Amino acid sequence: MRKVVFWIAHKTRFVEEARQCSIELHGVMPDLERVLFTPDDTSSKGFDRVAKLPRRTSKLWYCDSVRYFNMAFDLLTDYDVCLYLDSDVNFLAPFPELFRMMERFDIVAPVG
C-alpha cells in the first residue's frame, strides 16, 4: 500500500513550518513519502517532492485552499492512502494506528 503525507503551504513561515514537520515525521516514520504543495518557490529539502501550485487568486486563503486541495488530490492518485497535515504538527512517536483506521474508513479526521 502506497502512503503519502502532504502539506499545502503558502508564505515562507508556513512552508518552513511544513519543512520542519516533514523532517520530524521522517525521523519517526521514515518509510512515508512526503510531498509539499505550494505556490511559492522553495527547495525540496526535507520533502520527497515539492509540487508547484498556481498563484493565489483570492484574498481569502480558504478559497485558494479548496482549489489547492482539489489539485493536490488530482496529483496524488498513485497513492492508496493520503494524509494531509497542518504545518505546525510535531511528532513524538510513530502513529501507524492512524493508517490502520484509513484501511477501514474513507475519511479519518484526528483532532488534537
Protein backbone atom coordinates (compact mmCIF):
# COMPACT_ATOMS: atom_id res chain seq x y z
CA MET A 1 0.00 0.00 0.00
CA ARG A 2 1.48 3.35 -1.07
CA LYS A 3 1.13 6.04 1.60
CA VAL A 4 1.85 9.73 1.34
CA VAL A 5 1.74 12.60 3.79
CA PHE A 6 1.27 16.03 2.27
CA TRP A 7 1.17 19.68 3.21
CA ILE A 8 -0.31 22.69 1.44
CA ALA A 9 1.57 25.80 2.49
CA HIS A 10 1.92 29.39 1.34
CA LYS A 11 4.33 32.07 2.55
CA THR A 12 7.81 31.41 3.89
CA ARG A 13 6.70 30.99 7.51
CA PHE A 14 4.26 28.17 6.76
CA VAL A 15 6.49 26.49 4.17
CA GLU A 16 9.31 26.37 6.73
CA GLU A 17 6.92 25.03 9.40
CA ALA A 18 5.85 22.30 6.96
CA ARG A 19 9.50 21.52 6.20
CA GLN A 20 10.28 21.11 9.92
CA CYS A 21 7.17 18.98 10.35
CA SER A 22 8.25 16.79 7.41
CA ILE A 23 11.76 16.36 8.83
CA GLU A 24 10.32 15.37 12.23
CA LEU A 25 7.91 12.94 10.56
CA HIS A 26 10.79 11.35 8.66
CA GLY A 27 12.54 10.82 12.00
CA VAL A 28 9.68 8.71 13.41
CA MET A 29 8.25 7.16 10.21
CA PRO A 30 10.99 7.18 7.55
CA ASP A 31 9.09 4.98 5.08
CA LEU A 32 6.35 7.55 4.41
CA GLU A 33 6.58 9.68 1.29
CA ARG A 34 6.33 13.41 1.98
CA VAL A 35 5.05 16.00 -0.51
CA LEU A 36 4.71 19.75 -0.21
CA PHE A 37 2.24 21.66 -2.39
CA THR A 38 2.94 25.38 -2.60
CA PRO A 39 2.51 28.31 -4.96
CA ASP A 40 5.85 29.65 -3.70
CA ASP A 41 9.35 28.93 -4.98
CA THR A 42 11.17 26.74 -2.46
CA SER A 43 13.71 23.93 -2.29
CA SER A 44 12.71 20.30 -1.86
CA LYS A 45 14.92 19.97 1.23
CA GLY A 46 13.01 17.95 3.82
CA PHE A 47 10.48 16.58 1.31
CA ASP A 48 10.49 13.78 -1.21
CA ARG A 49 8.84 16.12 -3.68
CA VAL A 50 7.59 19.68 -3.98
CA ALA A 51 4.67 20.30 -6.33
CA LYS A 52 4.22 23.82 -7.63
CA LEU A 53 0.71 25.24 -7.40
CA PRO A 54 -0.56 28.22 -9.40
CA ARG A 55 -0.52 31.67 -7.83
CA ARG A 56 -3.26 32.57 -5.41
CA THR A 57 -6.30 34.27 -6.93
CA SER A 58 -8.28 35.21 -3.82
CA LYS A 59 -7.56 37.47 -0.89
CA LEU A 60 -9.14 34.75 1.26
CA TRP A 61 -6.84 31.77 1.92
CA TYR A 62 -9.87 29.49 2.31
CA CYS A 63 -10.92 29.99 -1.33
CA ASP A 64 -7.48 29.15 -2.67
CA SER A 65 -7.11 26.32 -0.15
CA VAL A 66 -10.16 24.49 -1.51
CA ARG A 67 -8.83 24.81 -5.06
CA TYR A 68 -5.38 23.67 -3.93
CA PHE A 69 -6.77 20.57 -2.20
CA ASN A 70 -8.52 19.53 -5.40
CA MET A 71 -5.28 19.98 -7.34
CA ALA A 72 -3.28 18.06 -4.72
CA PHE A 73 -5.62 15.08 -4.74
CA ASP A 74 -5.56 15.03 -8.55
CA LEU A 75 -1.77 14.73 -8.36
CA LEU A 76 -1.82 12.05 -5.63
CA THR A 77 -3.86 9.40 -7.48
CA ASP A 78 -0.94 6.93 -7.43
CA TYR A 79 -1.23 6.63 -3.65
CA ASP A 80 -3.60 4.34 -1.76
CA VAL A 81 -3.64 6.48 1.38
CA CYS A 82 -3.19 10.25 1.59
CA LEU A 83 -2.75 12.06 4.89
CA TYR A 84 -2.90 15.84 4.99
CA LEU A 85 -1.13 17.56 7.88
CA ASP A 86 -1.19 21.14 9.04
CA SER A 87 2.23 22.75 9.01
CA ASP A 88 2.63 23.07 12.79
CA VAL A 89 2.34 19.39 13.81
CA ASN A 90 5.03 17.80 15.99
CA PHE A 91 5.81 14.09 16.29
CA LEU A 92 6.89 12.22 19.40
CA ALA A 93 6.34 8.67 18.15
CA PRO A 94 5.16 6.72 15.11
CA PHE A 95 1.39 6.63 14.52
CA PRO A 96 0.63 3.50 12.44
CA GLU A 97 -2.83 3.23 14.02
CA LEU A 98 -3.95 6.25 12.00
CA PHE A 99 -3.14 4.40 8.79
CA ARG A 100 -4.91 1.28 10.07
CA MET A 101 -8.03 3.41 10.58
CA MET A 102 -7.76 4.60 6.98
CA GLU A 103 -7.93 0.98 5.83
CA ARG A 104 -11.41 0.82 7.33
CA PHE A 105 -12.80 4.32 6.74
CA ASP A 106 -12.72 6.61 3.70
CA ILE A 107 -12.04 9.70 5.82
CA VAL A 108 -10.28 9.94 9.18
CA ALA A 109 -10.11 13.28 10.99
CA PRO A 110 -7.87 13.28 14.06
CA VAL A 111 -8.32 16.27 16.33
CA GLY A 112 -5.86 17.21 19.00
